């Protein structure tokens, strides 16, 4: 199980507001019920098999183009832990247990 955080930034949209693009990205993510996702103010976190996360990020990367963006910048961070099962919830709980 891998955890990935990504940020998609449409460039050249003619406005500084990106919330409509973010809403479109969220709608696309909801179609992929086989993975977990959590949107944050600065990006989105996905949880699932690594190959599937790459696939979903690629699909979501295309969404701004479908809504008029001419350029899109996507940043991705991946935590692919293979020595034990790790989830978004487990990672947070591990820190909370130490507080």
C-alpha atoms as a PDB file:
ATOM      1  CA  UNK A   1       0.000   0.000   0.000  1.00  0.00           C
ATOM      2  CA  UNK A   2       1.415   3.373  -0.995  1.00  0.00           C
ATOM      3  CA  UNK A   3       0.516   6.896  -0.004  1.00  0.00           C
ATOM      4  CA  UNK A   4       0.950   9.729  -2.490  1.00  0.00           C
ATOM      5  CA  UNK A   5       0.461  13.446  -2.153  1.00  0.00           C
ATOM      6  CA  UNK A   6      -0.008  15.506  -5.274  1.00  0.00           C
ATOM      7  CA  UNK A   7      -0.731  19.078  -6.239  1.00  0.00           C
ATOM      8  CA  UNK A   8      -2.089  20.046  -9.628  1.00  0.00           C
ATOM      9  CA  UNK A   9      -1.751  23.654 -10.748  1.00  0.00           C
ATOM     10  CA  UNK A  10      -3.425  24.838 -13.946  1.00  0.00           C
ATOM     11  CA  UNK A  11      -1.399  27.673 -15.477  1.00  0.00           C
ATOM     12  CA  UNK A  12      -2.679  30.488 -17.666  1.00  0.00           C
ATOM     13  CA  UNK A  13      -6.313  30.245 -16.601  1.00  0.00           C
ATOM     14  CA  UNK A  14      -7.001  33.990 -16.715  1.00  0.00           C
ATOM     15  CA  UNK A  15      -7.893  34.148 -13.005  1.00  0.00           C
ATOM     16  CA  UNK A  16      -6.133  33.700  -9.689  1.00  0.00           C
ATOM     17  CA  UNK A  17      -8.989  31.575  -8.335  1.00  0.00           C
ATOM     18  CA  UNK A  18      -8.547  27.846  -8.874  1.00  0.00           C
ATOM     19  CA  UNK A  19     -11.461  26.507  -6.799  1.00  0.00           C
ATOM     20  CA  UNK A  20     -13.518  25.515  -9.844  1.00  0.00           C
ATOM     21  CA  UNK A  21     -10.568  23.448 -11.105  1.00  0.00           C
ATOM     22  CA  UNK A  22     -10.178  21.874  -7.660  1.00  0.00           C
ATOM     23  CA  UNK A  23     -13.890  20.994  -7.646  1.00  0.00           C
ATOM     24  CA  UNK A  24     -13.479  19.321 -11.046  1.00  0.00           C
ATOM     25  CA  UNK A  25     -10.501  17.335  -9.731  1.00  0.00           C
ATOM     26  CA  UNK A  26     -12.553  16.230  -6.726  1.00  0.00           C
ATOM     27  CA  UNK A  27     -15.361  15.009  -9.003  1.00  0.00           C
ATOM     28  CA  UNK A  28     -12.846  12.908 -10.944  1.00  0.00           C
ATOM     29  CA  UNK A  29     -11.380  11.435  -7.751  1.00  0.00           C
ATOM     30  CA  UNK A  30     -14.835  10.402  -6.529  1.00  0.00           C
ATOM     31  CA  UNK A  31     -15.138   8.109  -9.568  1.00  0.00           C
ATOM     32  CA  UNK A  32     -12.239   5.975  -8.293  1.00  0.00           C
ATOM     33  CA  UNK A  33     -13.855   4.161  -5.375  1.00  0.00           C
ATOM     34  CA  UNK A  34     -11.034   1.618  -5.095  1.00  0.00           C
ATOM     35  CA  UNK A  35      -8.648   4.175  -3.559  1.00  0.00           C
ATOM     36  CA  UNK A  36      -8.860   6.430  -0.529  1.00  0.00           C
ATOM     37  CA  UNK A  37      -8.285  10.151  -0.932  1.00  0.00           C
ATOM     38  CA  UNK A  38      -8.224  13.213   1.248  1.00  0.00           C
ATOM     39  CA  UNK A  39      -8.128  16.750  -0.061  1.00  0.00           C
ATOM     40  CA  UNK A  40      -6.200  19.334   1.957  1.00  0.00           C
ATOM     41  CA  UNK A  41      -5.879  23.099   1.467  1.00  0.00           C
ATOM     42  CA  UNK A  42      -2.592  22.563  -0.372  1.00  0.00           C
ATOM     43  CA  UNK A  43      -3.008  19.265  -2.211  1.00  0.00           C
ATOM     44  CA  UNK A  44      -4.542  15.805  -2.213  1.00  0.00           C
ATOM     45  CA  UNK A  45      -3.428  12.598  -0.526  1.00  0.00           C
ATOM     46  CA  UNK A  46      -4.171   9.193  -2.057  1.00  0.00           C
ATOM     47  CA  UNK A  47      -3.839   5.720  -0.580  1.00  0.00           C
ATOM     48  CA  UNK A  48      -3.770   2.487  -2.543  1.00  0.00           C
ATOM     49  CA  UNK A  49      -1.615   0.227  -4.712  1.00  0.00           C
ATOM     50  CA  UNK A  50       1.229   2.222  -6.274  1.00  0.00           C
ATOM     51  CA  UNK A  51       0.365   1.347  -9.879  1.00  0.00           C
ATOM     52  CA  UNK A  52      -3.237   2.458  -9.277  1.00  0.00           C
ATOM     53  CA  UNK A  53      -2.138   5.744  -7.698  1.00  0.00           C
ATOM     54  CA  UNK A  54      -0.038   6.555 -10.754  1.00  0.00           C
ATOM     55  CA  UNK A  55      -3.012   5.753 -12.962  1.00  0.00           C
ATOM     56  CA  UNK A  56      -5.404   7.966 -10.993  1.00  0.00           C
ATOM     57  CA  UNK A  57      -2.947  10.861 -10.787  1.00  0.00           C
ATOM     58  CA  UNK A  58      -2.480  10.683 -14.559  1.00  0.00           C
ATOM     59  CA  UNK A  59      -6.255  10.820 -15.066  1.00  0.00           C
ATOM     60  CA  UNK A  60      -6.661  13.720 -12.639  1.00  0.00           C
ATOM     61  CA  UNK A  61      -3.749  15.565 -14.282  1.00  0.00           C
ATOM     62  CA  UNK A  62      -5.782  15.622 -17.517  1.00  0.00           C
ATOM     63  CA  UNK A  63      -8.866  17.255 -15.929  1.00  0.00           C
ATOM     64  CA  UNK A  64      -7.688  20.895 -16.099  1.00  0.00           C
ATOM     65  CA  UNK A  65      -6.917  20.452 -19.806  1.00  0.00           C
ATOM     66  CA  UNK A  66     -10.487  19.274 -20.338  1.00  0.00           C
ATOM     67  CA  UNK A  67     -11.684  22.497 -18.693  1.00  0.00           C
ATOM     68  CA  UNK A  68      -9.633  24.949 -20.726  1.00  0.00           C
ATOM     69  CA  UNK A  69      -6.174  25.050 -19.134  1.00  0.00           C
ATOM     70  CA  UNK A  70      -3.367  25.158 -21.671  1.00  0.00           C
ATOM     71  CA  UNK A  71      -0.643  24.190 -19.218  1.00  0.00           C
ATOM     72  CA  UNK A  72      -0.671  22.077 -16.029  1.00  0.00           C
ATOM     73  CA  UNK A  73       2.044  21.592 -13.420  1.00  0.00           C
ATOM     74  CA  UNK A  74       1.741  18.496 -11.211  1.00  0.00           C
ATOM     75  CA  UNK A  75       3.963  17.722  -8.226  1.00  0.00           C
ATOM     76  CA  UNK A  76       3.936  14.252  -6.646  1.00  0.00           C
ATOM     77  CA  UNK A  77       5.400  12.856  -3.406  1.00  0.00           C
ATOM     78  CA  UNK A  78       5.198   9.112  -2.720  1.00  0.00           C
ATOM     79  CA  UNK A  79       5.628   7.118   0.487  1.00  0.00           C
ATOM     80  CA  UNK A  80       5.881   3.471  -0.583  1.00  0.00           C
ATOM     81  CA  UNK A  81       6.599   1.533   2.586  1.00  0.00           C
ATOM     82  CA  UNK A  82       7.035  -2.201   2.047  1.00  0.00           C
ATOM     83  CA  UNK A  83       8.220  -3.447   5.427  1.00  0.00           C
ATOM     84  CA  UNK A  84       4.726  -3.114   6.935  1.00  0.00           C
ATOM     85  CA  UNK A  85       1.206  -2.048   6.044  1.00  0.00           C
ATOM     86  CA  UNK A  86       0.873   1.744   6.266  1.00  0.00           C
ATOM     87  CA  UNK A  87      -2.201   3.898   5.815  1.00  0.00           C
ATOM     88  CA  UNK A  88      -2.883   7.613   6.076  1.00  0.00           C
ATOM     89  CA  UNK A  89      -4.767   6.996   9.308  1.00  0.00           C
ATOM     90  CA  UNK A  90      -2.037   4.785  10.763  1.00  0.00           C
ATOM     91  CA  UNK A  91       0.642   7.394  10.046  1.00  0.00           C
ATOM     92  CA  UNK A  92      -1.334  10.083  11.878  1.00  0.00           C
ATOM     93  CA  UNK A  93      -2.150   7.762  14.753  1.00  0.00           C
ATOM     94  CA  UNK A  94       1.519   6.893  15.191  1.00  0.00           C
ATOM     95  CA  UNK A  95       2.319  10.577  15.781  1.00  0.00           C
ATOM     96  CA  UNK A  96      -0.721  11.122  18.028  1.00  0.00           C
ATOM     97  CA  UNK A  97       0.364   8.175  20.184  1.00  0.00           C
ATOM     98  CA  UNK A  98       3.674   9.892  20.780  1.00  0.00           C
ATOM     99  CA  UNK A  99       2.166  13.266  21.733  1.00  0.00           C
END
